[in-house]
Amino acid sequence: MLKPASVDEYIKGFPVETQKKLAQIRNAVKKLSPTAEEVISYGMPAFKLNGMLVFYAGYEKHIGFYPTPSGIAAFKKELSVYKNAKGSVQFPLDKPLPMTLINNIIKFRIAKNLETAKTKKK
């Protein structure tokens, strides 16, 4: 897959069901952090807000969600039912996305980035 020029182009490159799930994550971040900048980074959609907020990506059998290591560590118990690593989690395509959990992780990451930005300004 060539590097997409935009997030819209990236999402359109997937089957319809995958597109819907990618859009769910995209819309959740936009709703929770309307001022976050949407970018393509490392070849996948991401949002920046005083630094990287979250990344997400589509794959053949799962949606990859990358809320950085702090986002994974803060929700370790809730994420234990999913395949995860230091900074990532895989949500299977054959199951609904856990949007309440995803929203909570996004809120955590927003707060973390805002806290970091305040600390840097001092």
N, C-alpha and C. Protein backbone atom coordinates (compact mmCIF):
# COMPACT_ATOMS: atom_id res chain seq x y z
N MET A 1 0.85 -1.18 0.00
CA MET A 1 0.00 0.00 0.00
C MET A 1 0.89 1.24 0.00
N LEU A 2 0.69 2.14 -0.96
CA LEU A 2 1.43 3.39 -1.00
C LEU A 2 1.01 4.26 0.17
N LYS A 3 1.89 5.16 0.56
CA LYS A 3 1.56 6.06 1.67
C LYS A 3 0.37 6.92 1.25
N PRO A 4 -0.71 6.86 2.02
CA PRO A 4 -1.89 7.64 1.67
C PRO A 4 -1.64 9.14 1.86
N ALA A 5 -2.28 9.95 1.01
CA ALA A 5 -2.12 11.39 1.08
C ALA A 5 -2.97 12.00 2.18
N SER A 6 -4.03 11.29 2.57
CA SER A 6 -4.94 11.81 3.59
C SER A 6 -5.55 10.66 4.39
N VAL A 7 -6.16 11.00 5.50
CA VAL A 7 -6.83 9.98 6.30
C VAL A 7 -8.02 9.41 5.53
N ASP A 8 -8.73 10.26 4.81
CA ASP A 8 -9.85 9.77 3.99
C ASP A 8 -9.37 8.72 3.00
N GLU A 9 -8.27 9.01 2.33
CA GLU A 9 -7.70 8.07 1.35
C GLU A 9 -7.30 6.76 2.04
N TYR A 10 -6.69 6.87 3.20
CA TYR A 10 -6.28 5.68 3.95
C TYR A 10 -7.50 4.80 4.24
N ILE A 11 -8.53 5.39 4.80
CA ILE A 11 -9.73 4.63 5.20
C ILE A 11 -10.41 4.00 3.99
N LYS A 12 -10.47 4.73 2.87
CA LYS A 12 -11.12 4.22 1.66
C LYS A 12 -10.41 2.99 1.08
N GLY A 13 -9.18 2.75 1.49
CA GLY A 13 -8.42 1.61 0.99
C GLY A 13 -8.79 0.28 1.63
N PHE A 14 -9.78 0.27 2.52
CA PHE A 14 -10.17 -0.94 3.24
C PHE A 14 -11.58 -1.37 2.89
N PRO A 15 -11.91 -2.65 3.16
CA PRO A 15 -13.29 -3.11 2.97
C PRO A 15 -14.26 -2.27 3.82
N VAL A 16 -15.51 -2.21 3.41
CA VAL A 16 -16.51 -1.36 4.05
C VAL A 16 -16.61 -1.57 5.55
N GLU A 17 -16.62 -2.81 6.02
CA GLU A 17 -16.75 -3.06 7.46
C GLU A 17 -15.55 -2.51 8.23
N THR A 18 -14.37 -2.63 7.65
CA THR A 18 -13.18 -2.08 8.29
C THR A 18 -13.24 -0.55 8.27
N GLN A 19 -13.71 0.01 7.16
CA GLN A 19 -13.86 1.47 7.06
C GLN A 19 -14.75 1.99 8.18
N LYS A 20 -15.84 1.28 8.46
CA LYS A 20 -16.78 1.71 9.50
C LYS A 20 -16.10 1.76 10.87
N LYS A 21 -15.28 0.76 11.15
CA LYS A 21 -14.61 0.70 12.45
C LYS A 21 -13.52 1.77 12.56
N LEU A 22 -12.79 1.98 11.48
CA LEU A 22 -11.79 3.05 11.48
C LEU A 22 -12.47 4.40 11.69
N ALA A 23 -13.62 4.59 11.04
CA ALA A 23 -14.37 5.85 11.18
C ALA A 23 -14.88 6.03 12.61
N GLN A 24 -15.24 4.94 13.27
CA GLN A 24 -15.70 5.04 14.66
C GLN A 24 -14.60 5.63 15.55
N ILE A 25 -13.39 5.13 15.39
CA ILE A 25 -12.28 5.64 16.20
C ILE A 25 -11.98 7.09 15.82
N ARG A 26 -11.92 7.35 14.53
CA ARG A 26 -11.66 8.72 14.05
C ARG A 26 -12.68 9.70 14.63
N ASN A 27 -13.95 9.35 14.53
CA ASN A 27 -15.01 10.24 15.01
C ASN A 27 -14.96 10.42 16.52
N ALA A 28 -14.58 9.37 17.24
CA ALA A 28 -14.48 9.47 18.70
C ALA A 28 -13.41 10.48 19.10
N VAL A 29 -12.25 10.43 18.44
CA VAL A 29 -11.19 11.38 18.77
C VAL A 29 -11.63 12.80 18.42
N LYS A 30 -12.23 12.96 17.24
CA LYS A 30 -12.68 14.29 16.82
C LYS A 30 -13.70 14.87 17.80
N LYS A 31 -14.59 14.02 18.30
CA LYS A 31 -15.62 14.48 19.23
C LYS A 31 -15.00 14.86 20.58
N LEU A 32 -14.08 14.03 21.07
CA LEU A 32 -13.49 14.27 22.38
C LEU A 32 -12.41 15.35 22.37
N SER A 33 -11.80 15.56 21.23
CA SER A 33 -10.73 16.56 21.13
C SER A 33 -10.81 17.27 19.78
N PRO A 34 -11.79 18.16 19.62
CA PRO A 34 -12.00 18.81 18.33
C PRO A 34 -10.80 19.61 17.82
N THR A 35 -9.90 20.00 18.71
CA THR A 35 -8.73 20.78 18.27
C THR A 35 -7.52 19.92 17.92
N ALA A 36 -7.63 18.62 18.12
CA ALA A 36 -6.51 17.73 17.77
C ALA A 36 -6.28 17.77 16.26
N GLU A 37 -5.02 17.74 15.88
CA GLU A 37 -4.65 17.76 14.46
C GLU A 37 -4.60 16.34 13.92
N GLU A 38 -5.30 16.12 12.82
CA GLU A 38 -5.33 14.80 12.20
C GLU A 38 -4.19 14.71 11.19
N VAL A 39 -3.38 13.65 11.29
CA VAL A 39 -2.21 13.49 10.43
C VAL A 39 -2.07 12.03 10.00
N ILE A 40 -1.21 11.82 9.02
CA ILE A 40 -0.74 10.47 8.69
C ILE A 40 0.68 10.40 9.23
N SER A 41 0.94 9.45 10.11
CA SER A 41 2.27 9.29 10.70
C SER A 41 2.60 7.80 10.72
N TYR A 42 3.80 7.46 10.34
CA TYR A 42 4.19 6.05 10.21
C TYR A 42 3.23 5.30 9.29
N GLY A 43 2.67 6.00 8.31
CA GLY A 43 1.79 5.37 7.33
C GLY A 43 0.39 5.07 7.82
N MET A 44 0.01 5.62 8.98
CA MET A 44 -1.33 5.36 9.51
C MET A 44 -1.94 6.65 10.07
N PRO A 45 -3.27 6.68 10.20
CA PRO A 45 -3.91 7.86 10.77
C PRO A 45 -3.51 8.06 12.22
N ALA A 46 -3.37 9.32 12.59
CA ALA A 46 -3.01 9.67 13.96
C ALA A 46 -3.57 11.04 14.29
N PHE A 47 -3.57 11.34 15.57
CA PHE A 47 -3.98 12.66 16.03
C PHE A 47 -2.89 13.22 16.92
N LYS A 48 -2.64 14.53 16.76
CA LYS A 48 -1.67 15.24 17.59
C LYS A 48 -2.41 16.26 18.44
N LEU A 49 -2.03 16.34 19.68
CA LEU A 49 -2.52 17.37 20.60
C LEU A 49 -1.42 17.56 21.63
N ASN A 50 -0.61 18.59 21.44
CA ASN A 50 0.57 18.77 22.30
C ASN A 50 1.43 17.51 22.29
N GLY A 51 1.68 17.00 21.12
CA GLY A 51 2.39 15.73 20.95
C GLY A 51 1.44 14.69 20.40
N MET A 52 1.95 13.50 20.16
CA MET A 52 1.10 12.44 19.60
C MET A 52 0.05 12.02 20.63
N LEU A 53 -1.17 11.90 20.15
CA LEU A 53 -2.28 11.51 21.02
C LEU A 53 -2.55 10.02 20.86
N VAL A 54 -3.02 9.61 19.69
CA VAL A 54 -3.24 8.19 19.38
C VAL A 54 -3.03 7.96 17.89
N PHE A 55 -2.71 6.73 17.56
CA PHE A 55 -2.65 6.25 16.18
C PHE A 55 -3.68 5.13 16.07
N TYR A 56 -4.12 4.84 14.85
CA TYR A 56 -4.98 3.68 14.63
C TYR A 56 -4.77 3.19 13.20
N ALA A 57 -5.07 1.91 12.97
CA ALA A 57 -4.80 1.35 11.66
C ALA A 57 -5.68 0.14 11.39
N GLY A 58 -5.91 -0.11 10.11
CA GLY A 58 -6.69 -1.27 9.70
C GLY A 58 -5.77 -2.39 9.24
N TYR A 59 -6.16 -3.61 9.55
CA TYR A 59 -5.43 -4.80 9.12
C TYR A 59 -6.45 -5.83 8.64
N GLU A 60 -5.97 -6.94 8.15
CA GLU A 60 -6.85 -7.96 7.59
C GLU A 60 -7.84 -8.50 8.61
N LYS A 61 -7.39 -8.71 9.85
CA LYS A 61 -8.26 -9.35 10.84
C LYS A 61 -8.50 -8.52 12.10
N HIS A 62 -7.91 -7.32 12.16
CA HIS A 62 -8.10 -6.51 13.36
C HIS A 62 -7.91 -5.02 13.07
N ILE A 63 -8.31 -4.23 14.05
CA ILE A 63 -8.01 -2.80 14.06
C ILE A 63 -6.90 -2.60 15.09
N GLY A 64 -5.83 -1.97 14.69
CA GLY A 64 -4.76 -1.65 15.62
C GLY A 64 -5.02 -0.28 16.22
N PHE A 65 -4.91 -0.19 17.52
CA PHE A 65 -5.11 1.08 18.23
C PHE A 65 -3.85 1.31 19.05
N TYR A 66 -3.24 2.48 18.88
CA TYR A 66 -1.94 2.77 19.46
C TYR A 66 -2.01 4.03 20.33
N PRO A 67 -2.41 3.88 21.59
CA PRO A 67 -2.52 5.04 22.47
C PRO A 67 -1.24 5.32 23.27
N THR A 68 -0.12 4.91 22.76
CA THR A 68 1.20 5.02 23.40
C THR A 68 1.26 4.11 24.64
N PRO A 69 2.44 3.85 25.13
CA PRO A 69 2.55 2.96 26.31
C PRO A 69 1.75 3.43 27.53
N SER A 70 1.64 4.75 27.74
CA SER A 70 0.90 5.22 28.91
C SER A 70 -0.58 4.86 28.82
N GLY A 71 -1.15 4.92 27.62
CA GLY A 71 -2.55 4.57 27.44
C GLY A 71 -2.81 3.09 27.67
N ILE A 72 -1.87 2.26 27.28
CA ILE A 72 -2.01 0.81 27.50
C ILE A 72 -1.85 0.50 28.99
N ALA A 73 -0.84 1.08 29.61
CA ALA A 73 -0.56 0.81 31.03
C ALA A 73 -1.73 1.23 31.93
N ALA A 74 -2.35 2.36 31.61
CA ALA A 74 -3.44 2.88 32.45
C ALA A 74 -4.70 2.01 32.38
N PHE A 75 -4.84 1.24 31.30
CA PHE A 75 -6.03 0.41 31.12
C PHE A 75 -5.66 -1.07 30.96
N LYS A 76 -4.56 -1.45 31.60
CA LYS A 76 -4.03 -2.81 31.47
C LYS A 76 -5.08 -3.88 31.77
N LYS A 77 -5.82 -3.71 32.85
CA LYS A 77 -6.82 -4.71 33.24
C LYS A 77 -7.92 -4.83 32.18
N GLU A 78 -8.47 -3.69 31.75
CA GLU A 78 -9.55 -3.69 30.77
C GLU A 78 -9.09 -4.23 29.41
N LEU A 79 -7.82 -4.01 29.09
CA LEU A 79 -7.28 -4.45 27.80
C LEU A 79 -6.79 -5.89 27.81
N SER A 80 -6.79 -6.53 28.97
CA SER A 80 -6.23 -7.88 29.10
C SER A 80 -6.97 -8.91 28.25
N VAL A 81 -8.20 -8.63 27.85
CA VAL A 81 -8.96 -9.58 27.03
C VAL A 81 -8.62 -9.45 25.54
N TYR A 82 -7.77 -8.47 25.21
CA TYR A 82 -7.36 -8.26 23.82
C TYR A 82 -5.87 -8.50 23.70
N LYS A 83 -5.44 -8.85 22.49
CA LYS A 83 -4.01 -8.97 22.24
C LYS A 83 -3.43 -7.56 22.32
N ASN A 84 -2.43 -7.38 23.18
CA ASN A 84 -1.85 -6.05 23.32
C ASN A 84 -0.36 -6.15 23.60
N ALA A 85 0.29 -5.02 23.43
CA ALA A 85 1.73 -4.92 23.68
C ALA A 85 1.98 -3.58 24.37
N LYS A 86 3.23 -3.20 24.49
CA LYS A 86 3.60 -2.01 25.26
C LYS A 86 2.81 -0.75 24.86
N GLY A 87 2.60 -0.52 23.58
CA GLY A 87 1.91 0.70 23.15
C GLY A 87 0.76 0.46 22.22
N SER A 88 0.29 -0.80 22.13
CA SER A 88 -0.74 -1.11 21.14
C SER A 88 -1.73 -2.16 21.64
N VAL A 89 -2.88 -2.16 20.98
CA VAL A 89 -3.89 -3.18 21.24
C VAL A 89 -4.55 -3.54 19.91
N GLN A 90 -4.96 -4.80 19.80
CA GLN A 90 -5.64 -5.27 18.59
C GLN A 90 -7.09 -5.60 18.92
N PHE A 91 -8.00 -4.95 18.19
CA PHE A 91 -9.42 -5.24 18.33
C PHE A 91 -9.85 -6.07 17.12
N PRO A 92 -10.31 -7.31 17.33
CA PRO A 92 -10.69 -8.18 16.21
C PRO A 92 -11.83 -7.58 15.38
N LEU A 93 -11.74 -7.76 14.07
CA LEU A 93 -12.77 -7.23 13.18
C LEU A 93 -14.11 -7.94 13.33
N ASP A 94 -14.09 -9.17 13.84
CA ASP A 94 -15.35 -9.92 13.93
C ASP A 94 -16.13 -9.62 15.21
N LYS A 95 -15.69 -8.62 15.97
CA LYS A 95 -16.40 -8.22 17.19
C LYS A 95 -16.60 -6.70 17.18
N PRO A 96 -17.64 -6.21 17.85
CA PRO A 96 -17.82 -4.75 17.92
C PRO A 96 -16.66 -4.09 18.66
N LEU A 97 -16.33 -2.88 18.25
CA LEU A 97 -15.29 -2.15 18.97
C LEU A 97 -15.79 -1.78 20.36
N PRO A 98 -14.93 -1.87 21.37
CA PRO A 98 -15.32 -1.48 22.73
C PRO A 98 -15.23 0.04 22.88
N MET A 99 -16.22 0.75 22.33
CA MET A 99 -16.13 2.20 22.23
C MET A 99 -16.07 2.90 23.58
N THR A 100 -16.71 2.37 24.61
CA THR A 100 -16.61 3.00 25.93
C THR A 100 -15.16 2.96 26.40
N LEU A 101 -14.51 1.83 26.24
CA LEU A 101 -13.11 1.69 26.61
C LEU A 101 -12.23 2.60 25.75
N ILE A 102 -12.45 2.59 24.46
CA ILE A 102 -11.66 3.43 23.55
C ILE A 102 -11.82 4.91 23.93
N ASN A 103 -13.06 5.33 24.20
CA ASN A 103 -13.29 6.72 24.61
C ASN A 103 -12.55 7.05 25.90
N ASN A 104 -12.57 6.14 26.85
CA ASN A 104 -11.86 6.37 28.11
C ASN A 104 -10.35 6.48 27.91
N ILE A 105 -9.82 5.66 27.02
CA ILE A 105 -8.39 5.73 26.72
C ILE A 105 -8.06 7.06 26.04
N ILE A 106 -8.90 7.48 25.11
CA ILE A 106 -8.68 8.77 24.43
C ILE A 106 -8.71 9.91 25.45
N LYS A 107 -9.70 9.90 26.34
CA LYS A 107 -9.80 10.94 27.37
C LYS A 107 -8.54 10.95 28.24
N PHE A 108 -8.07 9.77 28.60
CA PHE A 108 -6.84 9.67 29.40
C PHE A 108 -5.67 10.29 28.65
N ARG A 109 -5.53 9.96 27.37
CA ARG A 109 -4.41 10.47 26.58
C ARG A 109 -4.50 11.98 26.42
N ILE A 110 -5.71 12.52 26.24
CA ILE A 110 -5.88 13.98 26.15
C ILE A 110 -5.38 14.63 27.44
N ALA A 111 -5.85 14.11 28.57
CA ALA A 111 -5.44 14.67 29.87
C ALA A 111 -3.93 14.57 30.06
N LYS A 112 -3.36 13.44 29.68
CA LYS A 112 -1.91 13.23 29.82
C LYS A 112 -1.13 14.24 28.98
N ASN A 113 -1.56 14.43 27.73
CA ASN A 113 -0.86 15.37 26.86
C ASN A 113 -1.01 16.81 27.34
N LEU A 114 -2.19 17.17 27.84
CA LEU A 114 -2.39 18.53 28.35
C LEU A 114 -1.55 18.75 29.61
N GLU A 115 -1.47 17.74 30.45
CA GLU A 115 -0.64 17.81 31.67
C GLU A 115 0.83 17.99 31.30
N THR A 116 1.28 17.23 30.32
CA THR A 116 2.67 17.33 29.86
C THR A 116 2.95 18.71 29.29
N ALA A 117 2.00 19.26 28.54
CA ALA A 117 2.17 20.59 27.94
C ALA A 117 2.29 21.65 29.03
N LYS A 118 1.49 21.54 30.09
CA LYS A 118 1.56 22.50 31.20
C LYS A 118 2.91 22.43 31.90
N THR A 119 3.40 21.22 32.10
CA THR A 119 4.69 21.02 32.76
C THR A 119 5.81 21.63 31.94
N LYS A 120 5.74 21.48 30.62
CA LYS A 120 6.78 22.02 29.73
C LYS A 120 6.79 23.54 29.73
N LYS A 121 5.63 24.17 29.94
CA LYS A 121 5.53 25.63 29.92
C LYS A 121 6.12 26.27 31.16
N LYS A 122 6.24 25.52 32.24
CA LYS A 122 6.76 26.09 33.50
C LYS A 122 8.23 26.38 33.43
